[in-house]
PDB file of N, CA and C in Angstrom:
ATOM      1  N   UNK A   1     -11.629 -15.389  10.720  1.00  0.00           N
ATOM      2  CA  UNK A   1     -12.279 -14.201  10.440  1.00  0.00           C
ATOM      3  C   UNK A   1     -11.843 -13.006  11.269  1.00  0.00           C
ATOM      4  N   UNK A   2     -11.595 -13.304  12.473  1.00  0.00           N
ATOM      5  CA  UNK A   2     -11.104 -12.202  13.425  1.00  0.00           C
ATOM      6  C   UNK A   2      -9.693 -11.793  12.988  1.00  0.00           C
ATOM      7  N   UNK A   3      -8.838 -12.748  12.584  1.00  0.00           N
ATOM      8  CA  UNK A   3      -7.512 -12.413  12.163  1.00  0.00           C
ATOM      9  C   UNK A   3      -7.560 -11.513  10.957  1.00  0.00           C
ATOM     10  N   UNK A   4      -8.507 -11.788   9.967  1.00  0.00           N
ATOM     11  CA  UNK A   4      -8.603 -10.882   8.779  1.00  0.00           C
ATOM     12  C   UNK A   4      -9.063  -9.563   9.138  1.00  0.00           C
ATOM     13  N   UNK A   5     -10.011  -9.426  10.077  1.00  0.00           N
ATOM     14  CA  UNK A   5     -10.385  -8.063  10.517  1.00  0.00           C
ATOM     15  C   UNK A   5      -9.264  -7.353  11.220  1.00  0.00           C
ATOM     16  N   UNK A   6      -8.508  -8.073  12.028  1.00  0.00           N
ATOM     17  CA  UNK A   6      -7.384  -7.443  12.678  1.00  0.00           C
ATOM     18  C   UNK A   6      -6.360  -6.878  11.691  1.00  0.00           C
ATOM     19  N   UNK A   7      -6.056  -7.756  10.607  1.00  0.00           N
ATOM     20  CA  UNK A   7      -5.204  -7.296   9.521  1.00  0.00           C
ATOM     21  C   UNK A   7      -5.624  -6.128   8.909  1.00  0.00           C
ATOM     22  N   UNK A   8      -6.882  -6.010   8.572  1.00  0.00           N
ATOM     23  CA  UNK A   8      -7.478  -4.914   7.923  1.00  0.00           C
ATOM     24  C   UNK A   8      -7.363  -3.670   8.704  1.00  0.00           C
ATOM     25  N   UNK A   9      -7.682  -3.678  10.007  1.00  0.00           N
ATOM     26  CA  UNK A   9      -7.503  -2.478  10.869  1.00  0.00           C
ATOM     27  C   UNK A   9      -6.120  -2.130  11.060  1.00  0.00           C
ATOM     28  N   UNK A  10      -5.164  -3.157  11.195  1.00  0.00           N
ATOM     29  CA  UNK A  10      -3.778  -2.747  11.307  1.00  0.00           C
ATOM     30  C   UNK A  10      -3.209  -2.097  10.036  1.00  0.00           C
ATOM     31  N   UNK A  11      -3.641  -2.601   8.832  1.00  0.00           N
ATOM     32  CA  UNK A  11      -3.192  -1.989   7.552  1.00  0.00           C
ATOM     33  C   UNK A  11      -3.815  -0.590   7.378  1.00  0.00           C
ATOM     34  N   UNK A  12      -4.997  -0.371   7.887  1.00  0.00           N
ATOM     35  CA  UNK A  12      -5.611   1.040   7.902  1.00  0.00           C
ATOM     36  C   UNK A  12      -4.770   1.943   8.862  1.00  0.00           C
ATOM     37  N   UNK A  13      -4.355   1.352   9.995  1.00  0.00           N
ATOM     38  CA  UNK A  13      -3.536   2.297  10.854  1.00  0.00           C
ATOM     39  C   UNK A  13      -2.145   2.506  10.251  1.00  0.00           C
ATOM     40  N   UNK A  14      -1.700   1.506   9.567  1.00  0.00           N
ATOM     41  CA  UNK A  14      -0.414   1.747   8.950  1.00  0.00           C
ATOM     42  C   UNK A  14      -0.455   2.847   7.878  1.00  0.00           C
ATOM     43  N   UNK A  15      -1.565   2.895   7.230  1.00  0.00           N
ATOM     44  CA  UNK A  15      -1.810   3.943   6.209  1.00  0.00           C
ATOM     45  C   UNK A  15      -1.851   5.374   6.893  1.00  0.00           C
ATOM     46  N   UNK A  16      -2.436   5.323   8.041  1.00  0.00           N
ATOM     47  CA  UNK A  16      -2.524   6.649   8.847  1.00  0.00           C
ATOM     48  C   UNK A  16      -1.109   7.015   9.379  1.00  0.00           C
ATOM     49  N   UNK A  17      -0.276   6.053   9.761  1.00  0.00           N
ATOM     50  CA  UNK A  17       1.132   6.369  10.072  1.00  0.00           C
ATOM     51  C   UNK A  17       1.885   6.800   8.896  1.00  0.00           C
ATOM     52  N   UNK A  18       1.677   6.256   7.690  1.00  0.00           N
ATOM     53  CA  UNK A  18       2.461   6.649   6.575  1.00  0.00           C
ATOM     54  C   UNK A  18       2.042   8.063   6.162  1.00  0.00           C
ATOM     55  N   UNK A  19       0.760   8.379   6.327  1.00  0.00           N
ATOM     56  CA  UNK A  19       0.264   9.690   6.058  1.00  0.00           C
ATOM     57  C   UNK A  19       0.886  10.751   7.014  1.00  0.00           C
ATOM     58  N   UNK A  20       1.094  10.335   8.184  1.00  0.00           N
ATOM     59  CA  UNK A  20       1.669  11.282   9.196  1.00  0.00           C
ATOM     60  C   UNK A  20       3.187  11.678   8.889  1.00  0.00           C
ATOM     61  N   UNK A  21       3.870  10.481   8.494  1.00  0.00           N
ATOM     62  CA  UNK A  21       5.375  10.703   8.186  1.00  0.00           C
ATOM     63  C   UNK A  21       5.750  11.039   6.858  1.00  0.00           C
ATOM     64  N   UNK A  22       4.979  10.805   5.857  1.00  0.00           N
ATOM     65  CA  UNK A  22       5.468  10.965   4.476  1.00  0.00           C
ATOM     66  C   UNK A  22       4.794  12.130   3.949  1.00  0.00           C
ATOM     67  N   UNK A  23       5.500  13.237   3.578  1.00  0.00           N
ATOM     68  CA  UNK A  23       4.915  14.427   2.933  1.00  0.00           C
ATOM     69  C   UNK A  23       4.274  14.022   1.593  1.00  0.00           C
ATOM     70  N   UNK A  24       3.133  14.550   1.270  1.00  0.00           N
ATOM     71  CA  UNK A  24       2.405  14.324  -0.008  1.00  0.00           C
ATOM     72  C   UNK A  24       1.535  13.011   0.047  1.00  0.00           C
ATOM     73  N   UNK A  25       1.444  12.457   1.211  1.00  0.00           N
ATOM     74  CA  UNK A  25       0.631  11.266   1.243  1.00  0.00           C
ATOM     75  C   UNK A  25      -0.399  11.567   2.302  1.00  0.00           C
ATOM     76  N   UNK A  26      -1.622  11.592   1.993  1.00  0.00           N
ATOM     77  CA  UNK A  26      -2.827  12.173   2.769  1.00  0.00           C
ATOM     78  C   UNK A  26      -3.893  11.188   2.971  1.00  0.00           C
ATOM     79  N   UNK A  27      -4.403  11.002   4.208  1.00  0.00           N
ATOM     80  CA  UNK A  27      -5.546  10.167   4.506  1.00  0.00           C
ATOM     81  C   UNK A  27      -6.428  11.026   5.383  1.00  0.00           C
ATOM     82  N   UNK A  28      -7.741  11.198   5.029  1.00  0.00           N
ATOM     83  CA  UNK A  28      -8.555  12.243   5.699  1.00  0.00           C
ATOM     84  C   UNK A  28      -8.792  11.760   7.136  1.00  0.00           C
ATOM     85  N   UNK A  29      -9.223  10.458   7.307  1.00  0.00           N
ATOM     86  CA  UNK A  29      -9.633   9.990   8.636  1.00  0.00           C
ATOM     87  C   UNK A  29      -9.556   8.409   8.617  1.00  0.00           C
ATOM     88  N   UNK A  30      -9.907   7.743   9.737  1.00  0.00           N
ATOM     89  CA  UNK A  30      -9.813   6.304   9.786  1.00  0.00           C
ATOM     90  C   UNK A  30     -10.622   5.500   8.929  1.00  0.00           C
ATOM     91  N   UNK A  31     -12.046   6.103   8.739  1.00  0.00           N
ATOM     92  CA  UNK A  31     -12.828   5.295   7.710  1.00  0.00           C
ATOM     93  C   UNK A  31     -12.275   5.310   6.306  1.00  0.00           C
ATOM     94  N   UNK A  32     -11.801   6.494   5.979  1.00  0.00           N
ATOM     95  CA  UNK A  32     -11.074   6.591   4.604  1.00  0.00           C
ATOM     96  C   UNK A  32      -9.839   5.651   4.485  1.00  0.00           C
ATOM     97  N   UNK A  33      -9.148   5.501   5.626  1.00  0.00           N
ATOM     98  CA  UNK A  33      -8.044   4.553   5.655  1.00  0.00           C
ATOM     99  C   UNK A  33      -8.511   3.106   5.555  1.00  0.00           C
ATOM    100  N   UNK A  34      -9.655   2.778   6.197  1.00  0.00           N
ATOM    101  CA  UNK A  34     -10.183   1.402   6.030  1.00  0.00           C
ATOM    102  C   UNK A  34     -10.558   1.081   4.605  1.00  0.00           C
ATOM    103  N   UNK A  35     -11.247   2.100   3.908  1.00  0.00           N
ATOM    104  CA  UNK A  35     -11.527   1.876   2.559  1.00  0.00           C
ATOM    105  C   UNK A  35     -10.322   1.807   1.652  1.00  0.00           C
ATOM    106  N   UNK A  36      -9.412   2.664   1.941  1.00  0.00           N
ATOM    107  CA  UNK A  36      -8.134   2.726   1.154  1.00  0.00           C
ATOM    108  C   UNK A  36      -7.331   1.377   1.377  1.00  0.00           C
ATOM    109  N   UNK A  37      -7.291   0.838   2.498  1.00  0.00           N
ATOM    110  CA  UNK A  37      -6.651  -0.495   2.787  1.00  0.00           C
ATOM    111  C   UNK A  37      -7.384  -1.544   2.057  1.00  0.00           C
ATOM    112  N   UNK A  38      -8.689  -1.520   1.954  1.00  0.00           N
ATOM    113  CA  UNK A  38      -9.407  -2.522   1.232  1.00  0.00           C
ATOM    114  C   UNK A  38      -9.282  -2.490  -0.213  1.00  0.00           C
ATOM    115  N   UNK A  39      -9.260  -1.199  -0.770  1.00  0.00           N
ATOM    116  CA  UNK A  39      -9.024  -1.011  -2.229  1.00  0.00           C
ATOM    117  C   UNK A  39      -7.580  -1.454  -2.622  1.00  0.00           C
ATOM    118  N   UNK A  40      -6.649  -0.998  -1.715  1.00  0.00           N
ATOM    119  CA  UNK A  40      -5.180  -1.286  -1.959  1.00  0.00           C
ATOM    120  C   UNK A  40      -4.999  -2.864  -2.030  1.00  0.00           C
ATOM    121  N   UNK A  41      -5.584  -3.584  -1.144  1.00  0.00           N
ATOM    122  CA  UNK A  41      -5.597  -5.035  -1.126  1.00  0.00           C
ATOM    123  C   UNK A  41      -6.185  -5.640  -2.292  1.00  0.00           C
ATOM    124  N   UNK A  42      -7.334  -5.145  -2.789  1.00  0.00           N
ATOM    125  CA  UNK A  42      -7.950  -5.666  -3.955  1.00  0.00           C
ATOM    126  C   UNK A  42      -7.134  -5.446  -5.201  1.00  0.00           C
ATOM    127  N   UNK A  43      -6.511  -4.191  -5.296  1.00  0.00           N
ATOM    128  CA  UNK A  43      -5.734  -3.822  -6.515  1.00  0.00           C
ATOM    129  C   UNK A  43      -4.506  -4.756  -6.394  1.00  0.00           C
ATOM    130  N   UNK A  44      -3.951  -4.933  -5.342  1.00  0.00           N
ATOM    131  CA  UNK A  44      -2.686  -5.835  -5.207  1.00  0.00           C
ATOM    132  C   UNK A  44      -3.001  -7.236  -5.615  1.00  0.00           C
ATOM    133  N   UNK A  45      -4.305  -7.719  -5.293  1.00  0.00           N
ATOM    134  CA  UNK A  45      -4.536  -9.102  -5.662  1.00  0.00           C
ATOM    135  C   UNK A  45      -4.980  -9.187  -7.200  1.00  0.00           C
ATOM    136  N   UNK A  46      -5.269  -8.080  -7.778  1.00  0.00           N
ATOM    137  CA  UNK A  46      -5.678  -8.237  -9.211  1.00  0.00           C
ATOM    138  C   UNK A  46      -4.600  -7.589 -10.167  1.00  0.00           C
ATOM    139  N   UNK A  47      -4.659  -6.301 -10.249  1.00  0.00           N
ATOM    140  CA  UNK A  47      -3.703  -5.460 -11.080  1.00  0.00           C
ATOM    141  C   UNK A  47      -2.230  -5.696 -10.649  1.00  0.00           C
ATOM    142  N   UNK A  48      -2.038  -5.625  -9.312  1.00  0.00           N
ATOM    143  CA  UNK A  48      -0.628  -5.862  -8.814  1.00  0.00           C
ATOM    144  C   UNK A  48      -0.118  -7.157  -9.197  1.00  0.00           C
ATOM    145  N   UNK A  49      -0.859  -8.228  -9.059  1.00  0.00           N
ATOM    146  CA  UNK A  49      -0.376  -9.558  -9.481  1.00  0.00           C
ATOM    147  C   UNK A  49      -0.061  -9.700 -10.933  1.00  0.00           C
ATOM    148  N   UNK A  50      -0.976  -9.113 -11.737  1.00  0.00           N
ATOM    149  CA  UNK A  50      -0.765  -9.052 -13.223  1.00  0.00           C
ATOM    150  C   UNK A  50       0.639  -8.304 -13.506  1.00  0.00           C
ATOM    151  N   UNK A  51       0.761  -7.095 -13.014  1.00  0.00           N
ATOM    152  CA  UNK A  51       1.919  -6.316 -13.247  1.00  0.00           C
ATOM    153  C   UNK A  51       3.200  -6.967 -12.780  1.00  0.00           C
ATOM    154  N   UNK A  52       3.093  -7.650 -11.604  1.00  0.00           N
ATOM    155  CA  UNK A  52       4.226  -8.412 -11.120  1.00  0.00           C
ATOM    156  C   UNK A  52       4.655  -9.592 -11.878  1.00  0.00           C
ATOM    157  N   UNK A  53       3.610 -10.313 -12.547  1.00  0.00           N
ATOM    158  CA  UNK A  53       3.910 -11.379 -13.418  1.00  0.00           C
ATOM    159  C   UNK A  53       4.546 -10.921 -14.677  1.00  0.00           C
ATOM    160  N   UNK A  54       4.015  -9.825 -15.248  1.00  0.00           N
ATOM    161  CA  UNK A  54       4.563  -9.271 -16.486  1.00  0.00           C
ATOM    162  C   UNK A  54       6.138  -8.777 -16.294  1.00  0.00           C
ATOM    163  N   UNK A  55       6.402  -8.169 -15.174  1.00  0.00           N
ATOM    164  CA  UNK A  55       7.642  -7.502 -14.944  1.00  0.00           C
ATOM    165  C   UNK A  55       8.511  -8.496 -14.081  1.00  0.00           C
ATOM    166  N   UNK A  56       8.219  -9.757 -13.981  1.00  0.00           N
ATOM    167  CA  UNK A  56       8.999 -10.752 -13.180  1.00  0.00           C
ATOM    168  C   UNK A  56      10.507 -10.737 -13.546  1.00  0.00           C
ATOM    169  N   UNK A  57      10.925 -10.737 -14.799  1.00  0.00           N
ATOM    170  CA  UNK A  57      12.315 -10.722 -15.085  1.00  0.00           C
ATOM    171  C   UNK A  57      12.910  -9.492 -14.580  1.00  0.00           C
ATOM    172  N   UNK A  58      12.429  -8.381 -14.669  1.00  0.00           N
ATOM    173  CA  UNK A  58      12.948  -7.129 -14.236  1.00  0.00           C
ATOM    174  C   UNK A  58      12.996  -7.106 -12.676  1.00  0.00           C
ATOM    175  N   UNK A  59      11.994  -7.702 -12.037  1.00  0.00           N
ATOM    176  CA  UNK A  59      11.876  -7.878 -10.605  1.00  0.00           C
ATOM    177  C   UNK A  59      13.152  -8.801 -10.123  1.00  0.00           C
ATOM    178  N   UNK A  60      13.444  -9.822 -10.861  1.00  0.00           N
ATOM    179  CA  UNK A  60      14.458 -10.721 -10.427  1.00  0.00           C
ATOM    180  C   UNK A  60      15.823 -10.075 -10.662  1.00  0.00           C
ATOM    181  N   UNK A  61      15.881  -9.361 -11.803  1.00  0.00           N
ATOM    182  CA  UNK A  61      17.134  -8.587 -12.084  1.00  0.00           C
ATOM    183  C   UNK A  61      17.507  -7.526 -10.985  1.00  0.00           C
ATOM    184  N   UNK A  62      16.521  -6.840 -10.361  1.00  0.00           N
ATOM    185  CA  UNK A  62      16.724  -5.912  -9.414  1.00  0.00           C
ATOM    186  C   UNK A  62      16.551  -6.471  -7.941  1.00  0.00           C
ATOM    187  N   UNK A  63      16.542  -7.662  -7.915  1.00  0.00           N
ATOM    188  CA  UNK A  63      16.361  -8.424  -6.554  1.00  0.00           C
ATOM    189  C   UNK A  63      15.122  -7.999  -5.749  1.00  0.00           C
ATOM    190  N   UNK A  64      14.017  -7.778  -6.593  1.00  0.00           N
ATOM    191  CA  UNK A  64      12.728  -7.450  -6.049  1.00  0.00           C
ATOM    192  C   UNK A  64      12.522  -6.010  -5.848  1.00  0.00           C
ATOM    193  N   UNK A  65      13.499  -5.163  -5.938  1.00  0.00           N
ATOM    194  CA  UNK A  65      13.218  -3.723  -5.615  1.00  0.00           C
ATOM    195  C   UNK A  65      12.288  -3.080  -6.712  1.00  0.00           C
ATOM    196  N   UNK A  66      12.221  -3.535  -7.916  1.00  0.00           N
ATOM    197  CA  UNK A  66      11.247  -3.051  -8.807  1.00  0.00           C
ATOM    198  C   UNK A  66       9.804  -3.270  -8.367  1.00  0.00           C
ATOM    199  N   UNK A  67       9.516  -4.175  -7.581  1.00  0.00           N
ATOM    200  CA  UNK A  67       8.160  -4.391  -7.082  1.00  0.00           C
ATOM    201  C   UNK A  67       7.671  -3.257  -6.240  1.00  0.00           C
ATOM    202  N   UNK A  68       8.693  -2.447  -5.632  1.00  0.00           N
ATOM    203  CA  UNK A  68       8.283  -1.280  -4.881  1.00  0.00           C
ATOM    204  C   UNK A  68       7.752  -0.320  -5.827  1.00  0.00           C
ATOM    205  N   UNK A  69       8.153  -0.190  -7.015  1.00  0.00           N
ATOM    206  CA  UNK A  69       7.625   0.646  -8.075  1.00  0.00           C
ATOM    207  C   UNK A  69       6.161   0.301  -8.430  1.00  0.00           C
ATOM    208  N   UNK A  70       5.990  -0.982  -8.519  1.00  0.00           N
ATOM    209  CA  UNK A  70       4.633  -1.507  -8.757  1.00  0.00           C
ATOM    210  C   UNK A  70       3.697  -1.100  -7.613  1.00  0.00           C
ATOM    211  N   UNK A  71       4.181  -1.272  -6.371  1.00  0.00           N
ATOM    212  CA  UNK A  71       3.375  -0.928  -5.263  1.00  0.00           C
ATOM    213  C   UNK A  71       3.087   0.548  -5.247  1.00  0.00           C
ATOM    214  N   UNK A  72       4.004   1.297  -5.660  1.00  0.00           N
ATOM    215  CA  UNK A  72       3.765   2.891  -5.741  1.00  0.00           C
ATOM    216  C   UNK A  72       2.682   3.102  -6.741  1.00  0.00           C
ATOM    217  N   UNK A  73       2.717   2.352  -7.864  1.00  0.00           N
ATOM    218  CA  UNK A  73       1.665   2.585  -8.960  1.00  0.00           C
ATOM    219  C   UNK A  73       0.374   2.246  -8.341  1.00  0.00           C
ATOM    220  N   UNK A  74       0.294   1.048  -7.566  1.00  0.00           N
ATOM    221  CA  UNK A  74      -0.951   0.725  -6.979  1.00  0.00           C
ATOM    222  C   UNK A  74      -1.527   1.688  -5.956  1.00  0.00           C
ATOM    223  N   UNK A  75      -0.660   2.396  -5.195  1.00  0.00           N
ATOM    224  CA  UNK A  75      -1.084   3.413  -4.284  1.00  0.00           C
ATOM    225  C   UNK A  75      -1.582   4.550  -5.060  1.00  0.00           C
ATOM    226  N   UNK A  76      -0.975   4.936  -6.209  1.00  0.00           N
ATOM    227  CA  UNK A  76      -1.465   6.154  -6.946  1.00  0.00           C
ATOM    228  C   UNK A  76      -2.878   5.762  -7.610  1.00  0.00           C
ATOM    229  N   UNK A  77      -3.099   4.459  -8.021  1.00  0.00           N
ATOM    230  CA  UNK A  77      -4.395   4.199  -8.622  1.00  0.00           C
ATOM    231  C   UNK A  77      -5.428   4.166  -7.490  1.00  0.00           C
ATOM    232  N   UNK A  78      -5.026   3.686  -6.306  1.00  0.00           N
ATOM    233  CA  UNK A  78      -6.012   3.694  -5.142  1.00  0.00           C
ATOM    234  C   UNK A  78      -6.271   5.166  -4.777  1.00  0.00           C
ATOM    235  N   UNK A  79      -5.408   6.118  -4.944  1.00  0.00           N
ATOM    236  CA  UNK A  79      -5.681   7.418  -4.559  1.00  0.00           C
ATOM    237  C   UNK A  79      -6.565   8.050  -5.466  1.00  0.00           C
ATOM    238  N   UNK A  80      -6.626   7.552  -6.858  1.00  0.00           N
ATOM    239  CA  UNK A  80      -7.681   8.071  -7.630  1.00  0.00           C
ATOM    240  C   UNK A  80      -9.141   7.527  -7.266  1.00  0.00           C
ATOM    241  N   UNK A  81      -9.204   6.385  -6.878  1.00  0.00           N
ATOM    242  CA  UNK A  81     -10.433   5.630  -6.625  1.00  0.00           C
ATOM    243  C   UNK A  81     -11.002   6.039  -5.315  1.00  0.00           C
ATOM    244  N   UNK A  82     -10.239   6.176  -4.208  1.00  0.00           N
ATOM    245  CA  UNK A  82     -10.869   6.289  -2.887  1.00  0.00           C
ATOM    246  C   UNK A  82     -10.896   7.840  -2.444  1.00  0.00           C
ATOM    247  N   UNK A  83     -12.044   8.303  -2.179  1.00  0.00           N
ATOM    248  CA  UNK A  83     -12.110   9.642  -1.730  1.00  0.00           C
ATOM    249  C   UNK A  83     -11.559   9.775  -0.385  1.00  0.00           C
ATOM    250  N   UNK A  84     -10.834  10.877  -0.030  1.00  0.00           N
ATOM    251  CA  UNK A  84     -10.163  10.922   1.327  1.00  0.00           C
ATOM    252  C   UNK A  84      -8.859  10.424   1.487  1.00  0.00           C
ATOM    253  N   UNK A  85      -8.424   9.813   0.347  1.00  0.00           N
ATOM    254  CA  UNK A  85      -6.960   9.201   0.269  1.00  0.00           C
ATOM    255  C   UNK A  85      -6.293   9.864  -1.002  1.00  0.00           C
ATOM    256  N   UNK A  86      -5.148  10.516  -0.783  1.00  0.00           N
ATOM    257  CA  UNK A  86      -4.522  11.087  -1.959  1.00  0.00           C
ATOM    258  C   UNK A  86      -3.048  10.960  -1.768  1.00  0.00           C
ATOM    259  N   UNK A  87      -2.449  10.932  -2.952  1.00  0.00           N
ATOM    260  CA  UNK A  87      -1.012  10.838  -3.044  1.00  0.00           C
ATOM    261  C   UNK A  87      -0.569  11.871  -4.015  1.00  0.00           C
ATOM    262  N   UNK A  88       0.346  12.901  -3.612  1.00  0.00           N
ATOM    263  CA  UNK A  88       0.612  14.098  -4.326  1.00  0.00           C
ATOM    264  C   UNK A  88       1.516  13.705  -5.559  1.00  0.00           C
ATOM    265  N   UNK A  89       2.417  12.881  -5.424  1.00  0.00           N
ATOM    266  CA  UNK A  89       3.401  12.599  -6.617  1.00  0.00           C
ATOM    267  C   UNK A  89       3.911  11.199  -6.505  1.00  0.00           C
ATOM    268  N   UNK A  90       4.620  10.773  -7.530  1.00  0.00           N
ATOM    269  CA  UNK A  90       5.130   9.423  -7.616  1.00  0.00           C
ATOM    270  C   UNK A  90       6.226   9.138  -6.533  1.00  0.00           C
ATOM    271  N   UNK A  91       6.977  10.271  -6.266  1.00  0.00           N
ATOM    272  CA  UNK A  91       7.989  10.212  -5.151  1.00  0.00           C
ATOM    273  C   UNK A  91       7.235   9.935  -3.884  1.00  0.00           C
ATOM    274  N   UNK A  92       6.239  10.527  -3.553  1.00  0.00           N
ATOM    275  CA  UNK A  92       5.536  10.321  -2.272  1.00  0.00           C
ATOM    276  C   UNK A  92       4.973   8.878  -2.318  1.00  0.00           C
ATOM    277  N   UNK A  93       4.480   8.470  -3.435  1.00  0.00           N
ATOM    278  CA  UNK A  93       3.944   7.168  -3.515  1.00  0.00           C
ATOM    279  C   UNK A  93       4.917   6.083  -3.308  1.00  0.00           C
ATOM    280  N   UNK A  94       6.236   6.326  -3.888  1.00  0.00           N
ATOM    281  CA  UNK A  94       7.378   5.363  -3.709  1.00  0.00           C
ATOM    282  C   UNK A  94       7.765   5.295  -2.188  1.00  0.00           C
ATOM    283  N   UNK A  95       7.941   6.452  -1.688  1.00  0.00           N
ATOM    284  CA  UNK A  95       8.379   6.458  -0.280  1.00  0.00           C
ATOM    285  C   UNK A  95       7.249   5.812   0.628  1.00  0.00           C
ATOM    286  N   UNK A  96       6.107   6.167   0.367  1.00  0.00           N
ATOM    287  CA  UNK A  96       4.926   5.522   1.175  1.00  0.00           C
ATOM    288  C   UNK A  96       4.922   4.047   0.853  1.00  0.00           C
ATOM    289  N   UNK A  97       5.220   3.574  -0.359  1.00  0.00           N
ATOM    290  CA  UNK A  97       5.276   2.040  -0.633  1.00  0.00           C
ATOM    291  C   UNK A  97       6.435   1.380   0.213  1.00  0.00           C
ATOM    292  N   UNK A  98       7.565   2.105   0.346  1.00  0.00           N
ATOM    293  CA  UNK A  98       8.742   1.532   1.082  1.00  0.00           C
ATOM    294  C   UNK A  98       8.244   1.473   2.604  1.00  0.00           C
ATOM    295  N   UNK A  99       7.713   2.495   3.112  1.00  0.00           N
ATOM    296  CA  UNK A  99       7.236   2.556   4.523  1.00  0.00           C
ATOM    297  C   UNK A  99       6.233   1.561   4.785  1.00  0.00           C
ATOM    298  N   UNK A 100       5.249   1.581   3.911  1.00  0.00           N
ATOM    299  CA  UNK A 100       4.188   0.452   4.020  1.00  0.00           C
ATOM    300  C   UNK A 100       4.781  -1.005   4.051  1.00  0.00           C
ATOM    301  N   UNK A 101       5.710  -1.330   3.142  1.00  0.00           N
ATOM    302  CA  UNK A 101       6.315  -2.606   3.111  1.00  0.00           C
ATOM    303  C   UNK A 101       7.041  -2.872   4.448  1.00  0.00           C
ATOM    304  N   UNK A 102       7.706  -1.888   5.083  1.00  0.00           N
ATOM    305  CA  UNK A 102       8.274  -2.102   6.413  1.00  0.00           C
ATOM    306  C   UNK A 102       7.174  -2.386   7.465  1.00  0.00           C
ATOM    307  N   UNK A 103       6.069  -1.482   7.399  1.00  0.00           N
ATOM    308  CA  UNK A 103       5.051  -1.690   8.450  1.00  0.00           C
ATOM    309  C   UNK A 103       4.246  -2.947   8.173  1.00  0.00           C
ATOM    310  N   UNK A 104       4.201  -3.406   6.925  1.00  0.00           N
ATOM    311  CA  UNK A 104       3.561  -4.716   6.693  1.00  0.00           C
ATOM    312  C   UNK A 104       4.243  -5.877   7.415  1.00  0.00           C
ATOM    313  N   UNK A 105       5.499  -5.734   7.454  1.00  0.00           N
ATOM    314  CA  UNK A 105       6.271  -6.824   8.193  1.00  0.00           C
ATOM    315  C   UNK A 105       5.899  -6.854   9.702  1.00  0.00           C
ATOM    316  N   UNK A 106       5.706  -5.599  10.201  1.00  0.00           N
ATOM    317  CA  UNK A 106       5.250  -5.495  11.669  1.00  0.00           C
ATOM    318  C   UNK A 106       3.774  -5.949  11.837  1.00  0.00           C
ATOM    319  N   UNK A 107       2.950  -5.642  10.920  1.00  0.00           N
ATOM    320  CA  UNK A 107       1.510  -6.062  10.957  1.00  0.00           C
ATOM    321  C   UNK A 107       1.432  -7.581  10.873  1.00  0.00           C
ATOM    322  N   UNK A 108       2.250  -8.230  10.021  1.00  0.00           N
ATOM    323  CA  UNK A 108       2.209  -9.661   9.974  1.00  0.00           C
ATOM    324  C   UNK A 108       2.766 -10.273  11.223  1.00  0.00           C
ATOM    325  N   UNK A 109       3.658  -9.737  11.836  1.00  0.00           N
ATOM    326  CA  UNK A 109       4.263 -10.229  13.194  1.00  0.00           C
ATOM    327  C   UNK A 109       3.209 -10.145  14.189  1.00  0.00           C
ATOM    328  N   UNK A 110       2.449  -8.991  14.176  1.00  0.00           N
ATOM    329  CA  UNK A 110       1.414  -8.808  15.256  1.00  0.00           C
ATOM    330  C   UNK A 110       0.259  -9.788  15.048  1.00  0.00           C
ATOM    331  N   UNK A 111      -0.267  -9.838  13.745  1.00  0.00           N
ATOM    332  CA  UNK A 111      -1.373 -10.633  13.367  1.00  0.00           C
ATOM    333  C   UNK A 111      -1.182 -12.097  13.574  1.00  0.00           C
ATOM    334  N   UNK A 112      -0.030 -12.575  13.428  1.00  0.00           N
ATOM    335  CA  UNK A 112       0.156 -14.084  13.552  1.00  0.00           C
ATOM    336  C   UNK A 112       0.580 -14.506  14.901  1.00  0.00           C
TER     337      UNK A 112
END
């Protein structure tokens, strides 16, 4: 349970870092980042999984790079749902998805 809480907090901190470095990617404050991290996780577990299954051949063809597009779509959907979290354009969402993927590797290294 403590590991899950640590991952949630680290993912929220990663969202704040992305908002600091990526233009067009905005998070109002840490509580908004916590809610956004939770919503992004739930969307990835439901809608993201469905989209990745549907586009699996394209994902294999592009060696997994197309899944970054799906992650960008998930970020844009989350920005519509969560107040205090916004993504200005698909380009910002895509760059944010790339940076979040890199930060996710660091979060997993820290949490394990």
